Amino acid sequence: MAVIAATTLVWLMDLLLAQHLERDQVIEPSLKAVVTGIERAGTLVFVVVTLGLVIALLRGLRRSLFRWGLVYLSFSVLQVIANVMAMIFTSGHHQGAGLTSLWDVAAVYMESVLVFMFIYVFIDVSTPGGAFVWPSREGEPPPVPHLIDYLFISLNVNSTYGPTSEDLVSRPAKLVMSLQVLLAILILTVLIARAASSIN
């Protein structure tokens, strides 16, 4: 249920951001149809993938669960990248709007944290031996990771640009983490620029 709740939250944030761009007319009229089309495609993908995930979870179809998860994660990463690019190209439309206009930057930041959290879960579970080395107390076996552990990693990568106490031993995970760091730098750069222009 936590997985479905989190995927729903990611979809809702993406939907709100797309509606914000359309409502406040911060995108060019020629691009409005593209944004609307992407939003509708995103909704369709979300519904289909969520149904696939629920059916795979209820029937215990592990292989199908991984396939649906991969489709969802791939599309989610594209949505995060598109949202970051949209923030960059529309940052000039928020001058003098006040700090309350920064909610969309916070939404993209949290969307990035949640999406990459699921990617780390996916990579860790699908990598033989695991993608992470989980620290343990002396004389105790390594702990079984929980969703909160992956959320902690993703949040730290977004804010401190690297993993914390966990060691990363998977090359695909290192590439994914590099992408998350680049997106986090862009998000924080937009946040600083928007905050400065919002109070002027």
Protein backbone atom coordinates (compact mmCIF):
# COMPACT_ATOMS: atom_id res chain seq x y z
CA MET A 1 0.00 0.00 0.00
CA ALA A 2 2.91 2.36 0.72
CA VAL A 3 4.16 1.88 -2.86
CA ILE A 4 0.75 2.71 -4.36
CA ALA A 5 0.37 5.74 -2.06
CA ALA A 6 3.80 7.07 -3.05
CA THR A 7 3.22 6.53 -6.79
CA THR A 8 -0.12 8.33 -6.46
CA LEU A 9 1.60 11.23 -4.69
CA VAL A 10 4.19 11.49 -7.48
CA TRP A 11 1.42 11.50 -10.11
CA LEU A 12 -0.57 14.16 -8.21
CA MET A 13 2.48 16.43 -7.92
CA ASP A 14 3.17 16.07 -11.63
CA LEU A 15 -0.48 16.81 -12.46
CA LEU A 16 -0.49 19.93 -10.25
CA LEU A 17 2.70 21.21 -11.87
CA ALA A 18 1.32 20.76 -15.39
CA GLN A 19 -1.93 22.53 -14.44
CA HIS A 20 0.09 25.33 -12.82
CA LEU A 21 2.03 25.89 -16.06
CA GLU A 22 -1.20 26.00 -18.09
CA ARG A 23 -3.23 28.13 -15.65
CA ASP A 24 -0.58 30.79 -15.04
CA GLN A 25 0.26 30.98 -18.75
CA VAL A 26 4.00 30.68 -18.14
CA ILE A 27 4.45 28.53 -21.24
CA GLU A 28 4.21 29.64 -24.84
CA PRO A 29 0.79 29.04 -26.49
CA SER A 30 2.48 26.84 -29.10
CA LEU A 31 3.76 24.52 -26.33
CA LYS A 32 0.47 24.34 -24.44
CA ALA A 33 -0.82 21.47 -26.58
CA VAL A 34 2.42 19.56 -25.95
CA VAL A 35 2.15 20.04 -22.17
CA THR A 36 -1.51 18.97 -22.22
CA GLY A 37 -0.66 15.91 -24.30
CA ILE A 38 2.16 14.91 -21.95
CA GLU A 39 -0.14 15.38 -18.95
CA ARG A 40 -2.82 13.13 -20.48
CA ALA A 41 -0.24 10.52 -21.49
CA GLY A 42 1.17 10.64 -17.96
CA THR A 43 -2.26 10.06 -16.46
CA LEU A 44 -2.90 7.12 -18.80
CA VAL A 45 0.50 5.57 -18.03
CA PHE A 46 -0.08 6.07 -14.29
CA VAL A 47 -3.49 4.32 -14.39
CA VAL A 48 -2.25 1.40 -16.52
CA VAL A 49 0.95 0.92 -14.50
CA THR A 50 -0.86 1.19 -11.16
CA LEU A 51 -3.36 -1.48 -12.26
CA GLY A 52 -0.46 -3.65 -13.43
CA LEU A 53 1.38 -3.18 -10.12
CA VAL A 54 -1.73 -3.96 -8.05
CA ILE A 55 -2.53 -7.12 -10.03
CA ALA A 56 1.11 -8.29 -9.86
CA LEU A 57 1.21 -7.61 -6.09
CA LEU A 58 -2.07 -9.43 -5.40
CA ARG A 59 -1.13 -12.45 -7.52
CA GLY A 60 2.47 -12.58 -6.31
CA LEU A 61 3.86 -12.28 -9.85
CA ARG A 62 7.40 -11.18 -9.06
CA ARG A 63 8.61 -10.98 -12.68
CA SER A 64 5.58 -8.93 -13.77
CA LEU A 65 6.05 -6.67 -10.76
CA PHE A 66 9.60 -5.89 -11.86
CA ARG A 67 8.49 -5.18 -15.43
CA TRP A 68 5.69 -2.84 -14.35
CA GLY A 69 8.06 -1.20 -11.89
CA LEU A 70 10.65 -0.60 -14.60
CA VAL A 71 8.05 0.98 -16.90
CA TYR A 72 6.82 3.22 -14.09
CA LEU A 73 10.31 4.28 -13.01
CA SER A 74 11.47 5.02 -16.55
CA PHE A 75 8.46 7.23 -17.22
CA SER A 76 8.78 8.90 -13.79
CA VAL A 77 12.41 9.85 -14.42
CA LEU A 78 11.38 11.43 -17.74
CA GLN A 79 8.65 13.38 -15.90
CA VAL A 80 11.15 14.66 -13.30
CA ILE A 81 13.59 15.73 -16.04
CA ALA A 82 10.75 17.45 -17.96
CA ASN A 83 9.60 19.27 -14.79
CA VAL A 84 13.12 20.49 -14.02
CA MET A 85 13.52 21.73 -17.60
CA ALA A 86 10.12 23.45 -17.41
CA MET A 87 11.21 25.24 -14.23
CA ILE A 88 14.41 26.43 -15.91
CA PHE A 89 12.67 27.75 -19.04
CA THR A 90 9.86 29.48 -17.12
CA SER A 91 11.93 30.95 -14.29
CA GLY A 92 11.73 34.46 -15.78
CA HIS A 93 7.92 34.54 -15.37
CA HIS A 94 7.99 34.69 -11.57
CA GLN A 95 9.50 38.11 -10.86
CA GLY A 96 7.95 39.81 -7.86
CA ALA A 97 5.59 36.89 -7.22
CA GLY A 98 6.66 36.41 -3.59
CA LEU A 99 8.15 33.40 -1.85
CA THR A 100 4.82 31.54 -1.82
CA SER A 101 5.24 31.07 -5.59
CA LEU A 102 8.11 28.64 -4.89
CA TRP A 103 5.77 25.72 -4.04
CA ASP A 104 6.32 24.20 -7.49
CA VAL A 105 10.08 24.05 -6.91
CA ALA A 106 9.46 22.25 -3.61
CA ALA A 107 7.05 19.87 -5.37
CA VAL A 108 9.63 18.98 -8.06
CA TYR A 109 12.25 18.50 -5.32
CA MET A 110 10.03 16.05 -3.41
CA GLU A 111 8.95 14.33 -6.63
CA SER A 112 12.63 13.77 -7.42
CA VAL A 113 13.26 12.36 -3.92
CA LEU A 114 10.35 9.89 -4.19
CA VAL A 115 11.09 8.75 -7.74
CA PHE A 116 14.77 8.11 -7.04
CA MET A 117 13.87 6.37 -3.77
CA PHE A 118 11.91 3.81 -5.80
CA ILE A 119 14.76 3.49 -8.29
CA TYR A 120 17.17 2.65 -5.46
CA VAL A 121 14.74 0.04 -4.14
CA PHE A 122 14.43 -1.45 -7.63
CA ILE A 123 18.19 -1.54 -8.25
CA ASP A 124 18.97 -2.92 -4.78
CA VAL A 125 16.40 -5.71 -5.06
CA SER A 126 17.32 -6.63 -8.65
CA THR A 127 21.11 -6.60 -8.13
CA PRO A 128 22.57 -9.96 -7.00
CA GLY A 129 23.94 -9.38 -3.51
CA GLY A 130 22.34 -5.91 -3.41
CA ALA A 131 23.44 -2.52 -4.70
CA PHE A 132 24.12 -1.13 -1.22
CA VAL A 133 26.18 -2.30 1.72
CA TRP A 134 24.09 -1.58 4.80
CA PRO A 135 26.07 -0.72 7.94
CA SER A 136 25.40 -2.67 11.11
CA ARG A 137 26.49 -2.57 14.72
CA GLU A 138 29.54 -4.59 15.61
CA GLY A 139 28.75 -8.30 15.98
CA GLU A 140 25.26 -7.96 14.47
CA PRO A 141 24.12 -9.07 11.00
CA PRO A 142 23.39 -6.36 8.42
CA PRO A 143 19.87 -4.97 8.80
CA VAL A 144 17.11 -5.70 6.30
CA PRO A 145 16.53 -2.40 4.47
CA HIS A 146 13.17 -0.67 4.80
CA LEU A 147 11.50 1.88 2.50
CA ILE A 148 12.56 4.60 4.95
CA ASP A 149 16.22 3.63 4.43
CA TYR A 150 15.90 4.24 0.69
CA LEU A 151 14.04 7.50 1.33
CA PHE A 152 16.91 8.56 3.60
CA ILE A 153 19.46 7.81 0.85
CA SER A 154 17.45 9.68 -1.79
CA LEU A 155 16.91 12.70 0.44
CA ASN A 156 20.60 12.83 1.29
CA VAL A 157 21.63 12.59 -2.36
CA ASN A 158 19.26 15.45 -3.19
CA SER A 159 20.62 17.64 -0.40
CA THR A 160 24.24 16.60 0.21
CA TYR A 161 25.06 15.14 -3.23
CA GLY A 162 26.03 11.66 -2.13
CA PRO A 163 25.10 8.64 -0.04
CA THR A 164 25.56 8.82 3.70
CA SER A 165 26.62 5.81 5.74
CA GLU A 166 25.65 3.25 3.08
CA ASP A 167 28.26 2.09 0.57
CA LEU A 168 27.26 1.94 -3.08
CA VAL A 169 28.63 -1.08 -4.98
CA SER A 170 26.48 -1.07 -8.13
CA ARG A 171 27.56 0.78 -11.27
CA PRO A 172 23.97 1.31 -12.52
CA ALA A 173 23.11 2.78 -9.11
CA LYS A 174 26.14 5.08 -9.34
CA LEU A 175 24.95 6.34 -12.74
CA VAL A 176 21.43 6.89 -11.39
CA MET A 177 22.82 8.71 -8.37
CA SER A 178 24.89 10.94 -10.68
CA LEU A 179 21.73 11.86 -12.60
CA GLN A 180 19.93 12.65 -9.35
CA VAL A 181 22.81 14.89 -8.22
CA LEU A 182 22.73 16.82 -11.52
CA LEU A 183 18.97 17.30 -11.27
CA ALA A 184 19.26 18.36 -7.62
CA ILE A 185 21.86 21.00 -8.54
CA LEU A 186 19.54 22.34 -11.24
CA ILE A 187 16.55 22.38 -8.86
CA LEU A 188 18.49 24.24 -6.16
CA THR A 189 19.88 26.69 -8.75
CA VAL A 190 16.34 27.44 -9.94
CA LEU A 191 15.22 27.78 -6.30
CA ILE A 192 17.92 30.37 -5.56
CA ALA A 193 17.25 32.30 -8.78
CA ARG A 194 13.48 32.22 -8.28
CA ALA A 195 13.76 33.23 -4.61
CA ALA A 196 15.91 36.22 -5.57
CA SER A 197 13.55 37.33 -8.36
CA SER A 198 10.42 36.69 -6.31
CA ILE A 199 11.33 39.28 -3.67
CA ASN A 200 12.46 41.94 -6.19
